[in-house]
């Protein structure tokens, strides 16, 4: 580009942004009740949920996605709802490389002094395009099968050793019961072939284990001006509908498994519309995890 002359005295980079054309649908393409009553119903469902294992067990939900997609922010957002105020327990933000360097398992309590709820959100290092960078697919396989414990530090060039896996057999409680792929709505069309190939390879492994999967499409407010003005416009936005179908096609998941949400990022107070979307997504995750447990328990043998 520069005639092999890298001694540049000045370099300017320009970015052209195209404002998406948004058409308003005649009727919502999904039905959502944006009410306080609905938020209360969702919270009650989640508080009363009991996994199909013994009473001491919790559903384990694994978050996987590119760097900066919003995995840690989703946990912070769910934790905020049940704490009653915006929290930031998991490290989140924007960076060229993953801010999460450890495998973390985050329980959520029903309020500061409340009991732990029936699920654990498992956070991972972000996926990156290059080999030897970001979360390794072999590490994901180890996590899915319950071999990696909380606070394990990832090493992109040296995945978890198979000898460590062979030392003990993981129980059903330690395994992953639902996988959530977290995708930034603003970068769906920009997803590289290499990253898409990585996600396909991961999905292939998840499928081989029979684990249920959901796609969380984040940052919908940044992707669509209509939604930025009013989050309740989400399901009448033709642009968001197009992005949901695009994610479905590129990842090979049913459209019904792609759930658009807005995480808490710059807000100082909770918002009803955000809560309804986030809690609806979590409700689906718990239902999908129950489907997996219902299917796998006879294979695992005696009740736990």
Protein backbone atom coordinates (compact mmCIF):
# COMPACT_ATOMS: atom_id res chain seq x y z
CA UNK A 1 0.00 0.00 0.00
CA UNK A 2 2.82 2.42 0.83
CA UNK A 3 5.37 1.17 -1.72
CA UNK A 4 7.17 -0.75 1.05
CA UNK A 5 7.94 2.56 2.74
CA UNK A 6 6.95 2.17 6.39
CA UNK A 7 8.57 5.41 7.56
CA UNK A 8 5.31 7.36 7.70
CA UNK A 9 5.26 10.84 9.19
CA UNK A 10 1.47 11.02 9.26
CA UNK A 11 -1.41 8.61 8.69
CA UNK A 12 -5.13 9.41 8.76
CA UNK A 13 -7.84 6.75 8.94
CA UNK A 14 -11.46 7.51 8.09
CA UNK A 15 -14.49 5.38 8.86
CA UNK A 16 -17.75 5.76 6.95
CA UNK A 17 -20.83 4.82 8.97
CA UNK A 18 -24.04 3.85 7.24
CA UNK A 19 -27.22 4.55 9.18
CA UNK A 20 -29.36 1.42 8.77
CA UNK A 21 -32.66 1.78 6.97
CA UNK A 22 -35.31 0.83 9.50
CA UNK A 23 -38.82 -0.07 8.51
CA UNK A 24 -41.50 -0.34 11.18
CA UNK A 25 -43.39 -3.63 11.02
CA UNK A 26 -47.18 -3.47 10.94
CA UNK A 27 -47.36 -5.76 13.95
CA UNK A 28 -44.70 -7.04 16.38
CA UNK A 29 -42.87 -10.13 15.16
CA UNK A 30 -42.66 -11.31 18.78
CA UNK A 31 -45.11 -10.57 21.56
CA UNK A 32 -43.69 -9.03 24.71
CA UNK A 33 -45.53 -7.54 27.69
CA UNK A 34 -43.58 -4.45 28.73
CA UNK A 35 -45.16 -4.24 32.18
CA UNK A 36 -44.15 -4.31 35.82
CA UNK A 37 -46.44 -7.32 36.25
CA UNK A 38 -44.56 -9.24 33.57
CA UNK A 39 -41.23 -8.44 35.16
CA UNK A 40 -42.61 -9.71 38.46
CA UNK A 41 -43.84 -12.94 36.85
CA UNK A 42 -40.44 -13.58 35.28
CA UNK A 43 -38.63 -12.92 38.55
CA UNK A 44 -40.97 -15.30 40.41
CA UNK A 45 -40.39 -18.01 37.81
CA UNK A 46 -36.63 -17.67 38.19
CA UNK A 47 -36.74 -17.49 42.00
CA UNK A 48 -38.90 -20.63 42.21
CA UNK A 49 -37.06 -22.59 39.54
CA UNK A 50 -35.68 -25.94 40.68
CA UNK A 51 -33.29 -27.88 38.42
CA UNK A 52 -34.00 -31.52 37.58
CA UNK A 53 -31.20 -32.68 39.88
CA UNK A 54 -30.89 -32.85 43.64
CA UNK A 55 -31.86 -29.83 45.76
CA UNK A 56 -28.24 -28.73 46.25
CA UNK A 57 -27.47 -28.51 42.52
CA UNK A 58 -27.64 -25.52 40.22
CA UNK A 59 -28.05 -25.19 36.47
CA UNK A 60 -24.74 -24.26 34.84
CA UNK A 61 -25.02 -21.88 31.88
CA UNK A 62 -21.89 -21.25 29.81
CA UNK A 63 -21.42 -17.91 28.01
CA UNK A 64 -19.29 -18.05 24.83
CA UNK A 65 -18.61 -15.25 22.35
CA UNK A 66 -16.14 -12.86 20.75
CA UNK A 67 -14.19 -10.30 22.75
CA UNK A 68 -16.43 -7.41 23.82
CA UNK A 69 -19.74 -9.05 22.87
CA UNK A 70 -21.19 -8.64 26.38
CA UNK A 71 -20.77 -11.97 28.20
CA UNK A 72 -19.63 -10.47 31.51
CA UNK A 73 -22.09 -7.60 31.10
CA UNK A 74 -24.97 -10.07 30.87
CA UNK A 75 -24.07 -11.52 34.27
CA UNK A 76 -23.72 -8.01 35.73
CA UNK A 77 -27.14 -7.12 34.29
CA UNK A 78 -28.88 -10.18 35.73
CA UNK A 79 -27.15 -9.67 39.06
CA UNK A 80 -28.28 -6.02 39.02
CA UNK A 81 -31.94 -6.98 38.59
CA UNK A 82 -31.95 -9.29 41.60
CA UNK A 83 -29.84 -6.92 43.72
CA UNK A 84 -32.21 -4.05 42.94
CA UNK A 85 -29.51 -1.72 41.67
CA UNK A 86 -26.86 -1.62 38.94
CA UNK A 87 -23.82 -3.74 39.86
CA UNK A 88 -20.46 -4.51 38.26
CA UNK A 89 -19.19 -7.68 39.91
CA UNK A 90 -17.69 -9.20 36.76
CA UNK A 91 -15.02 -7.24 34.91
CA UNK A 92 -16.59 -5.80 31.77
CA UNK A 93 -15.73 -3.12 29.24
CA UNK A 94 -14.19 -2.66 25.81
CA UNK A 95 -10.70 -3.76 24.90
CA UNK A 96 -8.85 -5.23 21.94
CA UNK A 97 -8.29 -8.43 23.89
CA UNK A 98 -10.44 -10.26 26.42
CA UNK A 99 -10.80 -8.64 29.83
CA UNK A 100 -11.79 -12.06 31.20
CA UNK A 101 -8.70 -14.26 31.53
CA UNK A 102 -10.08 -16.83 33.98
CA UNK A 103 -12.96 -19.28 33.93
CA UNK A 104 -15.45 -17.80 36.38
CA UNK A 105 -18.64 -19.28 37.80
CA UNK A 106 -21.00 -16.59 39.05
CA UNK A 107 -23.93 -17.50 41.31
CA UNK A 108 -26.75 -14.96 41.69
CA UNK A 109 -28.54 -14.30 44.98
CA UNK A 110 -32.09 -13.08 45.52
CA UNK A 111 -30.94 -9.79 47.03
CA UNK A 112 -27.85 -9.13 49.10
CA UNK A 113 -29.04 -11.22 52.04
CA UNK A 114 -31.18 -13.58 49.97
CA UNK A 115 -30.67 -17.22 49.08
CA UNK A 116 -28.67 -18.27 46.00
CA UNK A 117 -30.84 -18.84 42.94
CA UNK A 118 -30.93 -22.12 41.02
CA UNK A 119 -28.38 -21.24 38.33
CA UNK A 120 -24.73 -20.31 37.83
CA UNK A 121 -23.55 -18.16 34.91
CA UNK A 122 -20.14 -19.34 33.69
CA UNK A 123 -17.97 -16.68 32.06
CA UNK A 124 -15.10 -17.42 29.68
CA UNK A 125 -12.29 -15.69 27.88
CA UNK A 126 -13.43 -14.05 24.63
CA UNK A 127 -13.02 -15.74 21.24
CA UNK A 128 -10.52 -14.21 18.83
CA UNK A 129 -9.89 -14.83 15.13
CA UNK A 130 -6.21 -15.74 15.31
CA UNK A 131 -5.00 -19.16 16.37
CA UNK A 132 -3.12 -19.01 19.67
CA UNK A 133 -5.22 -16.07 20.86
CA UNK A 134 -8.39 -15.94 22.90
CA UNK A 135 -10.24 -18.96 24.22
CA UNK A 136 -9.03 -22.31 22.85
CA UNK A 137 -11.65 -24.76 21.55
CA UNK A 138 -10.02 -27.55 23.58
CA UNK A 139 -10.58 -25.50 26.74
CA UNK A 140 -14.25 -25.13 25.82
CA UNK A 141 -14.53 -28.91 25.48
CA UNK A 142 -13.00 -29.32 28.96
CA UNK A 143 -15.44 -26.76 30.41
CA UNK A 144 -18.45 -28.45 28.82
CA UNK A 145 -17.48 -31.78 30.35
CA UNK A 146 -16.97 -30.29 33.83
CA UNK A 147 -13.18 -30.65 34.09
CA UNK A 148 -12.29 -26.98 34.63
CA UNK A 149 -12.93 -25.37 38.00
CA UNK A 150 -13.69 -21.78 38.98
CA UNK A 151 -10.80 -19.30 38.58
CA UNK A 152 -8.80 -21.51 36.23
CA UNK A 153 -6.51 -19.16 34.28
CA UNK A 154 -6.65 -19.65 30.52
CA UNK A 155 -3.48 -19.98 28.47
CA UNK A 156 -4.26 -19.55 24.73
CA UNK A 157 -1.08 -21.37 23.67
CA UNK A 158 -1.42 -24.26 26.15
CA UNK A 159 -4.96 -25.61 26.64
CA UNK A 160 -6.07 -27.60 29.69
CA UNK A 161 -4.15 -30.88 29.76
CA UNK A 162 -5.95 -34.14 28.98
CA UNK A 163 -4.08 -35.88 31.84
CA UNK A 164 -5.92 -33.60 34.25
CA UNK A 165 -9.24 -34.69 32.72
CA UNK A 166 -8.40 -38.36 33.16
CA UNK A 167 -7.66 -37.96 36.87
CA UNK A 168 -11.36 -37.89 37.76
CA UNK A 169 -14.80 -38.21 36.23
CA UNK A 170 -16.95 -35.08 36.40
CA UNK A 171 -20.47 -35.38 37.83
CA UNK A 172 -23.59 -34.08 36.10
CA UNK A 173 -23.65 -31.10 38.48
CA UNK A 174 -20.18 -30.03 37.28
CA UNK A 175 -21.00 -30.23 33.58
CA UNK A 176 -22.54 -27.46 31.46
CA UNK A 177 -26.31 -27.73 30.96
CA UNK A 178 -26.92 -24.88 28.48
CA UNK A 179 -24.57 -22.98 26.15
CA UNK A 180 -25.23 -19.33 25.28
CA UNK A 181 -23.47 -17.78 22.29
CA UNK A 182 -23.20 -14.01 22.82
CA UNK A 183 -23.09 -11.96 19.60
CA UNK A 184 -22.85 -8.17 19.22
CA UNK A 185 -25.75 -6.99 17.01
CA UNK A 186 -23.59 -4.21 15.57
CA UNK A 187 -20.98 -6.70 14.31
CA UNK A 188 -23.11 -9.51 12.88
CA UNK A 189 -22.38 -8.55 9.26
CA UNK A 190 -18.71 -7.87 10.11
CA UNK A 191 -18.08 -11.35 11.52
CA UNK A 192 -15.02 -12.79 9.79
CA UNK A 193 -14.96 -16.23 8.18
CA UNK A 194 -12.33 -17.36 10.70
CA UNK A 195 -14.50 -16.42 13.66
CA UNK A 196 -17.54 -18.02 12.04
CA UNK A 197 -15.51 -21.20 11.53
CA UNK A 198 -14.51 -21.19 15.22
CA UNK A 199 -18.13 -20.80 16.30
CA UNK A 200 -19.17 -23.61 13.94
CA UNK A 201 -16.50 -25.90 15.40
CA UNK A 202 -17.67 -25.09 18.93
CA UNK A 203 -21.30 -25.72 17.99
CA UNK A 204 -20.29 -29.06 16.50
CA UNK A 205 -18.73 -30.06 19.83
CA UNK A 206 -21.71 -28.80 21.84
CA UNK A 207 -24.08 -30.70 19.54
CA UNK A 208 -22.08 -33.92 19.99
CA UNK A 209 -22.68 -33.66 23.75
CA UNK A 210 -26.39 -32.97 23.29
CA UNK A 211 -26.24 -29.67 25.17
CA UNK A 212 -28.97 -27.13 24.42
CA UNK A 213 -27.97 -23.78 22.90
CA UNK A 214 -29.25 -20.21 22.74
CA UNK A 215 -27.89 -17.10 21.00
CA UNK A 216 -27.95 -13.82 22.92
CA UNK A 217 -27.81 -10.85 20.53
CA UNK A 218 -26.58 -7.86 22.53
CA UNK A 219 -26.28 -4.09 21.95
CA UNK A 220 -29.55 -3.88 20.00
CA UNK A 221 -29.86 -0.21 20.95
CA UNK A 222 -26.53 0.57 19.29
CA UNK A 223 -27.51 -1.37 16.17
CA UNK A 224 -30.85 0.34 15.49
CA UNK A 225 -31.75 4.04 15.92
CA UNK A 226 -35.41 3.17 16.43
CA UNK A 227 -34.59 0.85 19.32
CA UNK A 228 -32.12 3.37 20.76
CA UNK A 229 -34.98 5.85 21.10
CA UNK A 230 -37.41 3.32 22.55
CA UNK A 231 -36.49 -0.24 23.57
CA UNK A 232 -40.14 -1.25 23.22
CA UNK A 233 -39.69 -0.76 19.46
CA UNK A 234 -37.40 -3.81 19.39
CA UNK A 235 -39.95 -6.23 17.96
CA UNK A 236 -41.38 -3.84 15.39
CA UNK A 237 -37.92 -3.01 13.99
CA UNK A 238 -37.39 -4.60 10.56
CA UNK A 239 -33.64 -4.07 10.96
CA UNK A 240 -33.40 -6.06 14.22
CA UNK A 241 -35.58 -8.77 12.65
CA UNK A 242 -33.11 -8.94 9.73
CA UNK A 243 -30.17 -9.23 12.14
CA UNK A 244 -31.88 -12.02 14.10
CA UNK A 245 -32.38 -13.98 10.88
CA UNK A 246 -28.78 -13.29 9.83
CA UNK A 247 -27.41 -14.59 13.14
CA UNK A 248 -29.68 -17.63 12.83
CA UNK A 249 -28.33 -18.35 9.36
CA UNK A 250 -24.65 -17.79 10.11
CA UNK A 251 -24.62 -19.84 13.33
CA UNK A 252 -27.09 -22.47 12.16
CA UNK A 253 -29.57 -22.09 15.02
CA UNK A 254 -33.36 -21.70 14.80
CA UNK A 255 -34.66 -18.11 14.75
CA UNK A 256 -36.62 -18.86 17.94
CA UNK A 257 -33.30 -19.46 19.74
CA UNK A 258 -31.94 -15.96 18.97
CA UNK A 259 -32.83 -13.56 21.78
CA UNK A 260 -32.11 -9.81 21.44
CA UNK A 261 -31.23 -8.00 24.68
CA UNK A 262 -29.73 -4.81 26.00
CA UNK A 263 -27.28 -5.19 28.86
CA UNK A 264 -26.79 -2.48 31.45
CA UNK A 265 -23.72 -0.53 30.34
CA UNK A 266 -24.06 3.21 30.97
CA UNK A 267 -27.21 3.32 33.13
CA UNK A 268 -27.12 4.16 36.83
CA UNK A 269 -30.68 2.96 37.52
CA UNK A 270 -32.62 -0.16 36.52
CA UNK A 271 -34.97 0.04 33.54
CA UNK A 272 -38.21 -1.95 33.15
CA UNK A 273 -37.75 -2.62 29.42
CA UNK A 274 -34.17 -3.88 29.87
CA UNK A 275 -35.29 -6.11 32.73
CA UNK A 276 -38.10 -7.73 30.73
CA UNK A 277 -35.75 -8.64 27.86
CA UNK A 278 -32.96 -9.89 30.14
CA UNK A 279 -35.26 -11.95 32.37
CA UNK A 280 -37.06 -13.42 29.34
CA UNK A 281 -33.68 -14.57 27.98
CA UNK A 282 -32.72 -16.10 31.35
CA UNK A 283 -36.08 -17.86 31.58
CA UNK A 284 -35.43 -19.49 28.19
CA UNK A 285 -31.94 -20.55 29.31
CA UNK A 286 -33.36 -22.29 32.37
CA UNK A 287 -36.04 -24.00 30.28
CA UNK A 288 -33.42 -25.19 27.77
CA UNK A 289 -31.20 -26.46 30.58
CA UNK A 290 -34.17 -28.40 31.98
CA UNK A 291 -34.68 -29.93 28.52
CA UNK A 292 -31.06 -31.11 28.51
CA UNK A 293 -31.25 -32.50 32.06
CA UNK A 294 -34.54 -34.23 31.31
CA UNK A 295 -32.89 -35.88 28.32
CA UNK A 296 -29.56 -36.81 29.88
CA UNK A 297 -30.57 -38.08 33.33
CA UNK A 298 -31.56 -41.59 32.19
CA UNK A 299 -28.17 -41.84 30.43
CA UNK A 300 -26.23 -40.66 33.47
CA UNK A 301 -27.69 -43.49 35.57
CA UNK A 302 -29.00 -43.33 39.11
CA UNK A 303 -30.59 -40.09 40.45
CA UNK A 304 -28.16 -37.55 41.88
